[in-house]
Amino acid sequence: MKQAVILLGHGSIREAANAEVRSMWQMMAEQLPELTISGSFVEVAEPTLEQEIDRLAAEGMDRIVIVPMFLTRGQHLSNGIPRILDAMRQKYSHIQIDLTGHLGIDPLLAEIIKNRLREAGVAI
């Protein structure tokens, strides 16, 4: 089974912000070389989720797993992304398209916050 992972960012009019997200895509691709890892954006920047699914479908993927890089379940996760995925599943009925949970509120994120506090000189 040929499978791919799409790391889904929000997208920004600030290209520097998009570059940071792309850096995470690259980091994950380097850490998981056995997987086909790419990325896309929900809005403003490219590739869009639809464009990336189209590209991976053209490469013959059997399964595409989307990981939303969002902390909270807002409008995009509640409505926009499910609508996009419904349309893409209809377009590519032969491809399994799955959506993981979003990053959410996780103890690992709490550790990152503590690290940032230490970097700022806060004694914890």
PDB file of N, CA and C in Angstrom:
ATOM      1  N   MET A   1       0.849  -1.186   0.000  1.00  0.00           N
ATOM      2  CA  MET A   1       0.000   0.000   0.000  1.00  0.00           C
ATOM      3  C   MET A   1       0.887   1.238   0.000  1.00  0.00           C
ATOM      4  N   LYS A   2       0.676   2.099  -0.971  1.00  0.00           N
ATOM      5  CA  LYS A   2       1.405   3.373  -1.017  1.00  0.00           C
ATOM      6  C   LYS A   2       0.629   4.388  -0.198  1.00  0.00           C
ATOM      7  N   GLN A   3       1.277   4.898   0.839  1.00  0.00           N
ATOM      8  CA  GLN A   3       0.592   5.882   1.664  1.00  0.00           C
ATOM      9  C   GLN A   3       1.444   7.120   1.864  1.00  0.00           C
ATOM     10  N   ALA A   4       0.750   8.220   2.104  1.00  0.00           N
ATOM     11  CA  ALA A   4       1.401   9.516   2.296  1.00  0.00           C
ATOM     12  C   ALA A   4       0.769  10.223   3.480  1.00  0.00           C
ATOM     13  N   VAL A   5       1.534  11.145   4.048  1.00  0.00           N
ATOM     14  CA  VAL A   5       1.077  11.968   5.164  1.00  0.00           C
ATOM     15  C   VAL A   5       1.129  13.424   4.719  1.00  0.00           C
ATOM     16  N   ILE A   6       0.047  14.142   4.973  1.00  0.00           N
ATOM     17  CA  ILE A   6       0.004  15.586   4.737  1.00  0.00           C
ATOM     18  C   ILE A   6      -0.081  16.277   6.087  1.00  0.00           C
ATOM     19  N   LEU A   7       0.897  17.125   6.390  1.00  0.00           N
ATOM     20  CA  LEU A   7       0.843  17.962   7.581  1.00  0.00           C
ATOM     21  C   LEU A   7       0.139  19.250   7.175  1.00  0.00           C
ATOM     22  N   LEU A   8      -0.974  19.527   7.807  1.00  0.00           N
ATOM     23  CA  LEU A   8      -1.861  20.619   7.389  1.00  0.00           C
ATOM     24  C   LEU A   8      -1.713  21.828   8.299  1.00  0.00           C
ATOM     25  N   GLY A   9      -1.208  22.911   7.730  1.00  0.00           N
ATOM     26  CA  GLY A   9      -1.096  24.171   8.458  1.00  0.00           C
ATOM     27  C   GLY A   9      -2.217  25.117   8.083  1.00  0.00           C
ATOM     28  N   HIS A  10      -2.330  26.206   8.818  1.00  0.00           N
ATOM     29  CA  HIS A  10      -3.383  27.177   8.548  1.00  0.00           C
ATOM     30  C   HIS A  10      -3.107  27.966   7.285  1.00  0.00           C
ATOM     31  N   GLY A  11      -1.918  28.531   7.192  1.00  0.00           N
ATOM     32  CA  GLY A  11      -1.575  29.424   6.086  1.00  0.00           C
ATOM     33  C   GLY A  11      -1.669  30.866   6.546  1.00  0.00           C
ATOM     34  N   SER A  12      -0.780  31.688   6.014  1.00  0.00           N
ATOM     35  CA  SER A  12      -0.706  33.078   6.441  1.00  0.00           C
ATOM     36  C   SER A  12      -0.371  33.963   5.251  1.00  0.00           C
ATOM     37  N   ILE A  13      -0.766  35.226   5.338  1.00  0.00           N
ATOM     38  CA  ILE A  13      -0.338  36.182   4.316  1.00  0.00           C
ATOM     39  C   ILE A  13       1.137  36.522   4.508  1.00  0.00           C
ATOM     40  N   ARG A  14       1.676  36.218   5.678  1.00  0.00           N
ATOM     41  CA  ARG A  14       3.104  36.438   5.957  1.00  0.00           C
ATOM     42  C   ARG A  14       3.893  35.205   5.527  1.00  0.00           C
ATOM     43  N   GLU A  15       4.685  35.352   4.491  1.00  0.00           N
ATOM     44  CA  GLU A  15       5.449  34.213   3.981  1.00  0.00           C
ATOM     45  C   GLU A  15       6.410  33.659   5.025  1.00  0.00           C
ATOM     46  N   ALA A  16       6.911  34.510   5.920  1.00  0.00           N
ATOM     47  CA  ALA A  16       7.815  34.027   6.976  1.00  0.00           C
ATOM     48  C   ALA A  16       7.100  33.011   7.870  1.00  0.00           C
ATOM     49  N   ALA A  17       5.838  33.228   8.135  1.00  0.00           N
ATOM     50  CA  ALA A  17       5.064  32.278   8.944  1.00  0.00           C
ATOM     51  C   ALA A  17       4.897  30.962   8.196  1.00  0.00           C
ATOM     52  N   ASN A  18       4.614  31.039   6.904  1.00  0.00           N
ATOM     53  CA  ASN A  18       4.474  29.820   6.098  1.00  0.00           C
ATOM     54  C   ASN A  18       5.796  29.061   6.032  1.00  0.00           C
ATOM     55  N   ALA A  19       6.895  29.796   5.984  1.00  0.00           N
ATOM     56  CA  ALA A  19       8.212  29.162   5.946  1.00  0.00           C
ATOM     57  C   ALA A  19       8.468  28.367   7.232  1.00  0.00           C
ATOM     58  N   GLU A  20       8.008  28.886   8.360  1.00  0.00           N
ATOM     59  CA  GLU A  20       8.163  28.143   9.618  1.00  0.00           C
ATOM     60  C   GLU A  20       7.410  26.824   9.560  1.00  0.00           C
ATOM     61  N   VAL A  21       6.205  26.859   9.023  1.00  0.00           N
ATOM     62  CA  VAL A  21       5.403  25.643   8.908  1.00  0.00           C
ATOM     63  C   VAL A  21       6.088  24.662   7.954  1.00  0.00           C
ATOM     64  N   ARG A  22       6.590  25.170   6.845  1.00  0.00           N
ATOM     65  CA  ARG A  22       7.303  24.307   5.891  1.00  0.00           C
ATOM     66  C   ARG A  22       8.540  23.676   6.540  1.00  0.00           C
ATOM     67  N   SER A  23       9.177  24.391   7.448  1.00  0.00           N
ATOM     68  CA  SER A  23      10.330  23.837   8.172  1.00  0.00           C
ATOM     69  C   SER A  23       9.912  22.630   9.011  1.00  0.00           C
ATOM     70  N   MET A  24       8.734  22.692   9.587  1.00  0.00           N
ATOM     71  CA  MET A  24       8.237  21.549  10.358  1.00  0.00           C
ATOM     72  C   MET A  24       7.971  20.365   9.439  1.00  0.00           C
ATOM     73  N   TRP A  25       7.414  20.637   8.261  1.00  0.00           N
ATOM     74  CA  TRP A  25       7.194  19.546   7.298  1.00  0.00           C
ATOM     75  C   TRP A  25       8.522  18.863   6.981  1.00  0.00           C
ATOM     76  N   GLN A  26       9.544  19.681   6.721  1.00  0.00           N
ATOM     77  CA  GLN A  26      10.863  19.148   6.375  1.00  0.00           C
ATOM     78  C   GLN A  26      11.446  18.349   7.541  1.00  0.00           C
ATOM     79  N   MET A  27      11.317  18.873   8.754  1.00  0.00           N
ATOM     80  CA  MET A  27      11.822  18.185   9.935  1.00  0.00           C
ATOM     81  C   MET A  27      11.175  16.814  10.072  1.00  0.00           C
ATOM     82  N   MET A  28       9.866  16.758   9.894  1.00  0.00           N
ATOM     83  CA  MET A  28       9.163  15.485  10.020  1.00  0.00           C
ATOM     84  C   MET A  28       9.561  14.517   8.908  1.00  0.00           C
ATOM     85  N   ALA A  29       9.749  15.025   7.706  1.00  0.00           N
ATOM     86  CA  ALA A  29      10.178  14.172   6.592  1.00  0.00           C
ATOM     87  C   ALA A  29      11.562  13.582   6.876  1.00  0.00           C
ATOM     88  N   GLU A  30      12.435  14.378   7.489  1.00  0.00           N
ATOM     89  CA  GLU A  30      13.773  13.893   7.836  1.00  0.00           C
ATOM     90  C   GLU A  30      13.718  12.881   8.965  1.00  0.00           C
ATOM     91  N   GLN A  31      12.822  13.073   9.928  1.00  0.00           N
ATOM     92  CA  GLN A  31      12.731  12.167  11.068  1.00  0.00           C
ATOM     93  C   GLN A  31      12.013  10.866  10.731  1.00  0.00           C
ATOM     94  N   LEU A  32      11.173  10.897   9.690  1.00  0.00           N
ATOM     95  CA  LEU A  32      10.427   9.703   9.287  1.00  0.00           C
ATOM     96  C   LEU A  32      10.659   9.421   7.796  1.00  0.00           C
ATOM     97  N   PRO A  33      11.900   9.096   7.427  1.00  0.00           N
ATOM     98  CA  PRO A  33      12.217   8.938   6.006  1.00  0.00           C
ATOM     99  C   PRO A  33      11.490   7.779   5.333  1.00  0.00           C
ATOM    100  N   GLU A  34      10.966   6.859   6.121  1.00  0.00           N
ATOM    101  CA  GLU A  34      10.242   5.722   5.548  1.00  0.00           C
ATOM    102  C   GLU A  34       8.840   6.107   5.067  1.00  0.00           C
ATOM    103  N   LEU A  35       8.384   7.307   5.434  1.00  0.00           N
ATOM    104  CA  LEU A  35       7.064   7.786   5.030  1.00  0.00           C
ATOM    105  C   LEU A  35       7.192   8.883   3.982  1.00  0.00           C
ATOM    106  N   THR A  36       6.182   8.975   3.133  1.00  0.00           N
ATOM    107  CA  THR A  36       6.075  10.092   2.203  1.00  0.00           C
ATOM    108  C   THR A  36       5.356  11.209   2.949  1.00  0.00           C
ATOM    109  N   ILE A  37       6.084  12.242   3.332  1.00  0.00           N
ATOM    110  CA  ILE A  37       5.507  13.335   4.116  1.00  0.00           C
ATOM    111  C   ILE A  37       5.576  14.620   3.308  1.00  0.00           C
ATOM    112  N   SER A  38       4.442  15.295   3.233  1.00  0.00           N
ATOM    113  CA  SER A  38       4.377  16.598   2.577  1.00  0.00           C
ATOM    114  C   SER A  38       3.497  17.497   3.437  1.00  0.00           C
ATOM    115  N   GLY A  39       3.151  18.647   2.903  1.00  0.00           N
ATOM    116  CA  GLY A  39       2.326  19.571   3.663  1.00  0.00           C
ATOM    117  C   GLY A  39       1.423  20.378   2.761  1.00  0.00           C
ATOM    118  N   SER A  40       0.462  21.008   3.405  1.00  0.00           N
ATOM    119  CA  SER A  40      -0.446  21.902   2.697  1.00  0.00           C
ATOM    120  C   SER A  40      -1.015  22.903   3.693  1.00  0.00           C
ATOM    121  N   PHE A  41      -1.783  23.849   3.148  1.00  0.00           N
ATOM    122  CA  PHE A  41      -2.384  24.895   3.961  1.00  0.00           C
ATOM    123  C   PHE A  41      -3.891  24.920   3.737  1.00  0.00           C
ATOM    124  N   VAL A  42      -4.611  25.380   4.749  1.00  0.00           N
ATOM    125  CA  VAL A  42      -6.060  25.500   4.649  1.00  0.00           C
ATOM    126  C   VAL A  42      -6.443  26.721   3.823  1.00  0.00           C
ATOM    127  N   GLU A  43      -5.726  27.826   4.029  1.00  0.00           N
ATOM    128  CA  GLU A  43      -6.076  29.035   3.284  1.00  0.00           C
ATOM    129  C   GLU A  43      -4.859  29.926   3.093  1.00  0.00           C
ATOM    130  N   VAL A  44      -4.985  30.864   2.185  1.00  0.00           N
ATOM    131  CA  VAL A  44      -4.031  31.932   1.902  1.00  0.00           C
ATOM    132  C   VAL A  44      -2.770  31.453   1.173  1.00  0.00           C
ATOM    133  N   ALA A  45      -2.168  30.344   1.612  1.00  0.00           N
ATOM    134  CA  ALA A  45      -0.902  29.879   1.052  1.00  0.00           C
ATOM    135  C   ALA A  45      -1.111  28.586   0.256  1.00  0.00           C
ATOM    136  N   GLU A  46      -0.098  28.248  -0.506  1.00  0.00           N
ATOM    137  CA  GLU A  46      -0.141  27.018  -1.298  1.00  0.00           C
ATOM    138  C   GLU A  46       1.027  26.125  -0.932  1.00  0.00           C
ATOM    139  N   PRO A  47       0.870  24.834  -1.145  1.00  0.00           N
ATOM    140  CA  PRO A  47      -0.269  24.207  -1.786  1.00  0.00           C
ATOM    141  C   PRO A  47      -1.471  24.124  -0.850  1.00  0.00           C
ATOM    142  N   THR A  48      -2.644  24.169  -1.430  1.00  0.00           N
ATOM    143  CA  THR A  48      -3.864  23.959  -0.658  1.00  0.00           C
ATOM    144  C   THR A  48      -4.012  22.460  -0.388  1.00  0.00           C
ATOM    145  N   LEU A  49      -4.900  22.120   0.500  1.00  0.00           N
ATOM    146  CA  LEU A  49      -5.155  20.715   0.801  1.00  0.00           C
ATOM    147  C   LEU A  49      -5.613  19.984  -0.460  1.00  0.00           C
ATOM    148  N   GLU A  50      -6.492  20.612  -1.217  1.00  0.00           N
ATOM    149  CA  GLU A  50      -6.977  19.988  -2.457  1.00  0.00           C
ATOM    150  C   GLU A  50      -5.831  19.768  -3.439  1.00  0.00           C
ATOM    151  N   GLN A  51      -4.964  20.769  -3.607  1.00  0.00           N
ATOM    152  CA  GLN A  51      -3.840  20.629  -4.527  1.00  0.00           C
ATOM    153  C   GLN A  51      -2.913  19.491  -4.113  1.00  0.00           C
ATOM    154  N   GLU A  52      -2.663  19.376  -2.821  1.00  0.00           N
ATOM    155  CA  GLU A  52      -1.742  18.339  -2.360  1.00  0.00           C
ATOM    156  C   GLU A  52      -2.360  16.952  -2.494  1.00  0.00           C
ATOM    157  N   ILE A  53      -3.641  16.826  -2.207  1.00  0.00           N
ATOM    158  CA  ILE A  53      -4.299  15.530  -2.414  1.00  0.00           C
ATOM    159  C   ILE A  53      -4.289  15.177  -3.894  1.00  0.00           C
ATOM    160  N   ASP A  54      -4.563  16.147  -4.778  1.00  0.00           N
ATOM    161  CA  ASP A  54      -4.501  15.901  -6.223  1.00  0.00           C
ATOM    162  C   ASP A  54      -3.117  15.396  -6.625  1.00  0.00           C
ATOM    163  N   ARG A  55      -2.074  16.032  -6.103  1.00  0.00           N
ATOM    164  CA  ARG A  55      -0.701  15.653  -6.450  1.00  0.00           C
ATOM    165  C   ARG A  55      -0.386  14.234  -5.997  1.00  0.00           C
ATOM    166  N   LEU A  56      -0.775  13.922  -4.758  1.00  0.00           N
ATOM    167  CA  LEU A  56      -0.494  12.589  -4.224  1.00  0.00           C
ATOM    168  C   LEU A  56      -1.326  11.521  -4.920  1.00  0.00           C
ATOM    169  N   ALA A  57      -2.534  11.857  -5.298  1.00  0.00           N
ATOM    170  CA  ALA A  57      -3.360  10.913  -6.060  1.00  0.00           C
ATOM    171  C   ALA A  57      -2.698  10.606  -7.399  1.00  0.00           C
ATOM    172  N   ALA A  58      -2.155  11.634  -8.038  1.00  0.00           N
ATOM    173  CA  ALA A  58      -1.471  11.447  -9.327  1.00  0.00           C
ATOM    174  C   ALA A  58      -0.214  10.584  -9.174  1.00  0.00           C
ATOM    175  N   GLU A  59       0.363  10.565  -7.968  1.00  0.00           N
ATOM    176  CA  GLU A  59       1.524   9.721  -7.702  1.00  0.00           C
ATOM    177  C   GLU A  59       1.138   8.294  -7.353  1.00  0.00           C
ATOM    178  N   GLY A  60      -0.163   8.013  -7.338  1.00  0.00           N
ATOM    179  CA  GLY A  60      -0.620   6.645  -7.117  1.00  0.00           C
ATOM    180  C   GLY A  60      -0.770   6.225  -5.674  1.00  0.00           C
ATOM    181  N   MET A  61      -0.966   7.169  -4.775  1.00  0.00           N
ATOM    182  CA  MET A  61      -1.141   6.811  -3.369  1.00  0.00           C
ATOM    183  C   MET A  61      -2.454   6.056  -3.177  1.00  0.00           C
ATOM    184  N   ASP A  62      -2.405   5.056  -2.284  1.00  0.00           N
ATOM    185  CA  ASP A  62      -3.599   4.296  -1.922  1.00  0.00           C
ATOM    186  C   ASP A  62      -4.261   4.871  -0.674  1.00  0.00           C
ATOM    187  N   ARG A  63      -3.450   5.534   0.146  1.00  0.00           N
ATOM    188  CA  ARG A  63      -3.951   6.105   1.399  1.00  0.00           C
ATOM    189  C   ARG A  63      -3.240   7.419   1.652  1.00  0.00           C
ATOM    190  N   ILE A  64      -4.017   8.409   2.108  1.00  0.00           N
ATOM    191  CA  ILE A  64      -3.476   9.714   2.486  1.00  0.00           C
ATOM    192  C   ILE A  64      -3.982  10.024   3.893  1.00  0.00           C
ATOM    193  N   VAL A  65      -3.054  10.300   4.795  1.00  0.00           N
ATOM    194  CA  VAL A  65      -3.393  10.625   6.181  1.00  0.00           C
ATOM    195  C   VAL A  65      -3.056  12.091   6.407  1.00  0.00           C
ATOM    196  N   ILE A  66      -4.053  12.861   6.846  1.00  0.00           N
ATOM    197  CA  ILE A  66      -3.865  14.299   7.074  1.00  0.00           C
ATOM    198  C   ILE A  66      -3.763  14.554   8.571  1.00  0.00           C
ATOM    199  N   VAL A  67      -2.709  15.277   8.966  1.00  0.00           N
ATOM    200  CA  VAL A  67      -2.492  15.643  10.367  1.00  0.00           C
ATOM    201  C   VAL A  67      -2.669  17.149  10.490  1.00  0.00           C
ATOM    202  N   PRO A  68      -3.780  17.606  11.085  1.00  0.00           N
ATOM    203  CA  PRO A  68      -3.970  19.058  11.238  1.00  0.00           C
ATOM    204  C   PRO A  68      -3.087  19.611  12.359  1.00  0.00           C
ATOM    205  N   MET A  69      -2.270  20.575  11.989  1.00  0.00           N
ATOM    206  CA  MET A  69      -1.345  21.188  12.942  1.00  0.00           C
ATOM    207  C   MET A  69      -2.039  22.369  13.635  1.00  0.00           C
ATOM    208  N   PHE A  70      -3.120  22.079  14.328  1.00  0.00           N
ATOM    209  CA  PHE A  70      -3.928  23.087  15.001  1.00  0.00           C
ATOM    210  C   PHE A  70      -3.990  22.743  16.489  1.00  0.00           C
ATOM    211  N   LEU A  71      -4.001  23.777  17.331  1.00  0.00           N
ATOM    212  CA  LEU A  71      -4.110  23.547  18.768  1.00  0.00           C
ATOM    213  C   LEU A  71      -5.553  23.342  19.215  1.00  0.00           C
ATOM    214  N   THR A  72      -6.498  23.988  18.543  1.00  0.00           N
ATOM    215  CA  THR A  72      -7.890  23.909  18.975  1.00  0.00           C
ATOM    216  C   THR A  72      -8.795  23.522  17.809  1.00  0.00           C
ATOM    217  N   ARG A  73      -9.987  23.060  18.158  1.00  0.00           N
ATOM    218  CA  ARG A  73     -10.981  22.671  17.165  1.00  0.00           C
ATOM    219  C   ARG A  73     -11.842  23.891  16.843  1.00  0.00           C
ATOM    220  N   GLY A  74     -11.363  24.675  15.910  1.00  0.00           N
ATOM    221  CA  GLY A  74     -12.096  25.864  15.484  1.00  0.00           C
ATOM    222  C   GLY A  74     -12.920  25.601  14.245  1.00  0.00           C
ATOM    223  N   GLN A  75     -13.220  26.662  13.552  1.00  0.00           N
ATOM    224  CA  GLN A  75     -14.069  26.602  12.360  1.00  0.00           C
ATOM    225  C   GLN A  75     -13.498  25.698  11.276  1.00  0.00           C
ATOM    226  N   HIS A  76     -12.200  25.784  11.040  1.00  0.00           N
ATOM    227  CA  HIS A  76     -11.604  24.959   9.982  1.00  0.00           C
ATOM    228  C   HIS A  76     -11.771  23.471  10.272  1.00  0.00           C
ATOM    229  N   LEU A  77     -11.467  23.059  11.494  1.00  0.00           N
ATOM    230  CA  LEU A  77     -11.570  21.638  11.832  1.00  0.00           C
ATOM    231  C   LEU A  77     -13.011  21.169  11.961  1.00  0.00           C
ATOM    232  N   SER A  78     -13.880  22.062  12.375  1.00  0.00           N
ATOM    233  CA  SER A  78     -15.282  21.670  12.562  1.00  0.00           C
ATOM    234  C   SER A  78     -16.070  21.626  11.263  1.00  0.00           C
ATOM    235  N   ASN A  79     -15.739  22.522  10.330  1.00  0.00           N
ATOM    236  CA  ASN A  79     -16.550  22.627   9.116  1.00  0.00           C
ATOM    237  C   ASN A  79     -15.751  22.564   7.822  1.00  0.00           C
ATOM    238  N   GLY A  80     -14.783  23.456   7.675  1.00  0.00           N
ATOM    239  CA  GLY A  80     -14.091  23.599   6.395  1.00  0.00           C
ATOM    240  C   GLY A  80     -13.345  22.357   5.945  1.00  0.00           C
ATOM    241  N   ILE A  81     -12.512  21.818   6.811  1.00  0.00           N
ATOM    242  CA  ILE A  81     -11.715  20.646   6.444  1.00  0.00           C
ATOM    243  C   ILE A  81     -12.598  19.435   6.177  1.00  0.00           C
ATOM    244  N   PRO A  82     -13.589  19.132   7.021  1.00  0.00           N
ATOM    245  CA  PRO A  82     -14.467  17.999   6.688  1.00  0.00           C
ATOM    246  C   PRO A  82     -15.163  18.143   5.336  1.00  0.00           C
ATOM    247  N   ARG A  83     -15.567  19.366   4.980  1.00  0.00           N
ATOM    248  CA  ARG A  83     -16.192  19.570   3.662  1.00  0.00           C
ATOM    249  C   ARG A  83     -15.204  19.295   2.534  1.00  0.00           C
ATOM    250  N   ILE A  84     -13.986  19.792   2.691  1.00  0.00           N
ATOM    251  CA  ILE A  84     -12.959  19.546   1.679  1.00  0.00           C
ATOM    252  C   ILE A  84     -12.713  18.042   1.539  1.00  0.00           C
ATOM    253  N   LEU A  85     -12.573  17.358   2.662  1.00  0.00           N
ATOM    254  CA  LEU A  85     -12.280  15.926   2.618  1.00  0.00           C
ATOM    255  C   LEU A  85     -13.436  15.126   2.043  1.00  0.00           C
ATOM    256  N   ASP A  86     -14.660  15.520   2.336  1.00  0.00           N
ATOM    257  CA  ASP A  86     -15.815  14.843   1.724  1.00  0.00           C
ATOM    258  C   ASP A  86     -15.743  14.938   0.204  1.00  0.00           C
ATOM    259  N   ALA A  87     -15.441  16.129  -0.297  1.00  0.00           N
ATOM    260  CA  ALA A  87     -15.346  16.326  -1.755  1.00  0.00           C
ATOM    261  C   ALA A  87     -14.186  15.518  -2.339  1.00  0.00           C
ATOM    262  N   MET A  88     -13.054  15.494  -1.648  1.00  0.00           N
ATOM    263  CA  MET A  88     -11.900  14.758  -2.165  1.00  0.00           C
ATOM    264  C   MET A  88     -12.130  13.255  -2.103  1.00  0.00           C
ATOM    265  N   ARG A  89     -12.841  12.783  -1.111  1.00  0.00           N
ATOM    266  CA  ARG A  89     -13.169  11.346  -1.037  1.00  0.00           C
ATOM    267  C   ARG A  89     -14.102  10.940  -2.177  1.00  0.00           C
ATOM    268  N   GLN A  90     -14.992  11.832  -2.550  1.00  0.00           N
ATOM    269  CA  GLN A  90     -15.852  11.546  -3.702  1.00  0.00           C
ATOM    270  C   GLN A  90     -15.033  11.543  -4.985  1.00  0.00           C
ATOM    271  N   LYS A  91     -14.140  12.491  -5.125  1.00  0.00           N
ATOM    272  CA  LYS A  91     -13.305  12.597  -6.317  1.00  0.00           C
ATOM    273  C   LYS A  91     -12.369  11.398  -6.450  1.00  0.00           C
ATOM    274  N   TYR A  92     -11.836  10.941  -5.317  1.00  0.00           N
ATOM    275  CA  TYR A  92     -10.872   9.838  -5.295  1.00  0.00           C
ATOM    276  C   TYR A  92     -11.410   8.701  -4.420  1.00  0.00           C
ATOM    277  N   SER A  93     -12.491   8.105  -4.852  1.00  0.00           N
ATOM    278  CA  SER A  93     -13.137   7.060  -4.049  1.00  0.00           C
ATOM    279  C   SER A  93     -12.246   5.826  -3.875  1.00  0.00           C
ATOM    280  N   HIS A  94     -11.246   5.682  -4.709  1.00  0.00           N
ATOM    281  CA  HIS A  94     -10.330   4.539  -4.631  1.00  0.00           C
ATOM    282  C   HIS A  94      -9.187   4.773  -3.637  1.00  0.00           C
ATOM    283  N   ILE A  95      -9.102   5.986  -3.083  1.00  0.00           N
ATOM    284  CA  ILE A  95      -8.041   6.318  -2.129  1.00  0.00           C
ATOM    285  C   ILE A  95      -8.658   6.478  -0.741  1.00  0.00           C
ATOM    286  N   GLN A  96      -8.036   5.854   0.235  1.00  0.00           N
ATOM    287  CA  GLN A  96      -8.459   6.036   1.624  1.00  0.00           C
ATOM    288  C   GLN A  96      -7.867   7.350   2.120  1.00  0.00           C
ATOM    289  N   ILE A  97      -8.734   8.282   2.522  1.00  0.00           N
ATOM    290  CA  ILE A  97      -8.296   9.587   3.013  1.00  0.00           C
ATOM    291  C   ILE A  97      -8.732   9.707   4.463  1.00  0.00           C
ATOM    292  N   ASP A  98      -7.767   9.792   5.361  1.00  0.00           N
ATOM    293  CA  ASP A  98      -8.037   9.832   6.797  1.00  0.00           C
ATOM    294  C   ASP A  98      -7.552  11.136   7.401  1.00  0.00           C
ATOM    295  N   LEU A  99      -8.261  11.567   8.429  1.00  0.00           N
ATOM    296  CA  LEU A  99      -7.903  12.763   9.185  1.00  0.00           C
ATOM    297  C   LEU A  99      -7.611  12.348  10.616  1.00  0.00           C
ATOM    298  N   THR A 100      -6.398  12.675  11.092  1.00  0.00           N
ATOM    299  CA  THR A 100      -6.071  12.382  12.490  1.00  0.00           C
ATOM    300  C   THR A 100      -6.667  13.470  13.380  1.00  0.00           C
ATOM    301  N   GLY A 101      -6.538  13.296  14.672  1.00  0.00           N
ATOM    302  CA  GLY A 101      -6.886  14.362  15.602  1.00  0.00           C
ATOM    303  C   GLY A 101      -5.902  15.519  15.444  1.00  0.00           C
ATOM    304  N   HIS A 102      -6.339  16.705  15.843  1.00  0.00           N
ATOM    305  CA  HIS A 102      -5.461  17.875  15.799  1.00  0.00           C
ATOM    306  C   HIS A 102      -4.454  17.787  16.952  1.00  0.00           C
ATOM    307  N   LEU A 103      -3.477  18.684  16.950  1.00  0.00           N
ATOM    308  CA  LEU A 103      -2.452  18.642  17.990  1.00  0.00           C
ATOM    309  C   LEU A 103      -3.071  18.774  19.372  1.00  0.00           C
ATOM    310  N   GLY A 104      -4.030  19.659  19.492  1.00  0.00           N
ATOM    311  CA  GLY A 104      -4.783  19.774  20.726  1.00  0.00           C
ATOM    312  C   GLY A 104      -3.971  20.226  21.919  1.00  0.00           C
ATOM    313  N   ILE A 105      -4.592  20.071  23.053  1.00  0.00           N
ATOM    314  CA  ILE A 105      -3.961  20.421  24.322  1.00  0.00           C
ATOM    315  C   ILE A 105      -3.346  19.135  24.859  1.00  0.00           C
ATOM    316  N   ASP A 106      -2.034  19.095  24.891  1.00  0.00           N
ATOM    317  CA  ASP A 106      -1.319  17.857  25.158  1.00  0.00           C
ATOM    318  C   ASP A 106      -0.223  18.122  26.192  1.00  0.00           C
ATOM    319  N   PRO A 107       0.065  17.157  27.057  1.00  0.00           N
ATOM    320  CA  PRO A 107       1.152  17.342  28.025  1.00  0.00           C
ATOM    321  C   PRO A 107       2.496  17.677  27.359  1.00  0.00           C
ATOM    322  N   LEU A 108       2.724  17.193  26.156  1.00  0.00           N
ATOM    323  CA  LEU A 108       3.973  17.529  25.465  1.00  0.00           C
ATOM    324  C   LEU A 108       4.051  19.017  25.153  1.00  0.00           C
ATOM    325  N   LEU A 109       2.919  19.632  24.855  1.00  0.00           N
ATOM    326  CA  LEU A 109       2.900  21.083  24.621  1.00  0.00           C
ATOM    327  C   LEU A 109       3.173  21.839  25.913  1.00  0.00           C
ATOM    328  N   ALA A 110       2.689  21.310  27.023  1.00  0.00           N
ATOM    329  CA  ALA A 110       2.985  21.937  28.314  1.00  0.00           C
ATOM    330  C   ALA A 110       4.489  21.929  28.569  1.00  0.00           C
ATOM    331  N   GLU A 111       5.164  20.872  28.163  1.00  0.00           N
ATOM    332  CA  GLU A 111       6.619  20.804  28.313  1.00  0.00           C
ATOM    333  C   GLU A 111       7.297  21.866  27.457  1.00  0.00           C
ATOM    334  N   ILE A 112       6.795  22.086  26.254  1.00  0.00           N
ATOM    335  CA  ILE A 112       7.360  23.128  25.396  1.00  0.00           C
ATOM    336  C   ILE A 112       7.185  24.496  26.054  1.00  0.00           C
ATOM    337  N   ILE A 113       6.020  24.757  26.617  1.00  0.00           N
ATOM    338  CA  ILE A 113       5.780  26.037  27.300  1.00  0.00           C
ATOM    339  C   ILE A 113       6.758  26.204  28.466  1.00  0.00           C
ATOM    340  N   LYS A 114       6.962  25.147  29.230  1.00  0.00           N
ATOM    341  CA  LYS A 114       7.919  25.221  30.336  1.00  0.00           C
ATOM    342  C   LYS A 114       9.332  25.497  29.821  1.00  0.00           C
ATOM    343  N   ASN A 115       9.696  24.874  28.705  1.00  0.00           N
ATOM    344  CA  ASN A 115      11.019  25.139  28.121  1.00  0.00           C
ATOM    345  C   ASN A 115      11.151  26.599  27.713  1.00  0.00           C
ATOM    346  N   ARG A 116      10.097  27.174  27.126  1.00  0.00           N
ATOM    347  CA  ARG A 116      10.149  28.585  26.722  1.00  0.00           C
ATOM    348  C   ARG A 116      10.274  29.479  27.938  1.00  0.00           C
ATOM    349  N   LEU A 117       9.614  29.132  29.032  1.00  0.00           N
ATOM    350  CA  LEU A 117       9.737  29.903  30.275  1.00  0.00           C
ATOM    351  C   LEU A 117      11.163  29.836  30.811  1.00  0.00           C
ATOM    352  N   ARG A 118      11.741  28.647  30.787  1.00  0.00           N
ATOM    353  CA  ARG A 118      13.140  28.516  31.236  1.00  0.00           C
ATOM    354  C   ARG A 118      14.064  29.363  30.370  1.00  0.00           C
ATOM    355  N   GLU A 119      13.846  29.322  29.039  1.00  0.00           N
ATOM    356  CA  GLU A 119      14.660  30.122  28.117  1.00  0.00           C
ATOM    357  C   GLU A 119      14.550  31.607  28.441  1.00  0.00           C
ATOM    358  N   ALA A 120      13.384  32.018  28.958  1.00  0.00           N
ATOM    359  CA  ALA A 120      13.168  33.422  29.299  1.00  0.00           C
ATOM    360  C   ALA A 120      13.688  33.755  30.694  1.00  0.00           C
ATOM    361  N   GLY A 121      14.260  32.763  31.351  1.00  0.00           N
ATOM    362  CA  GLY A 121      14.844  32.998  32.677  1.00  0.00           C
ATOM    363  C   GLY A 121      13.878  32.853  33.828  1.00  0.00           C
ATOM    364  N   VAL A 122      12.734  32.254  33.578  1.00  0.00           N
ATOM    365  CA  VAL A 122      11.771  32.036  34.651  1.00  0.00           C
ATOM    366  C   VAL A 122      12.181  30.775  35.410  1.00  0.00           C
ATOM    367  N   ALA A 123      12.299  30.909  36.730  1.00  0.00           N
ATOM    368  CA  ALA A 123      12.658  29.760  37.564  1.00  0.00           C
ATOM    369  C   ALA A 123      11.414  28.919  37.804  1.00  0.00           C
ATOM    370  N   ILE A 124      11.450  27.711  37.303  1.00  0.00           N
ATOM    371  CA  ILE A 124      10.301  26.807  37.535  1.00  0.00           C
ATOM    372  C   ILE A 124      10.807  25.461  38.020  1.00  0.00           C
TER     373      ILE A 124
END
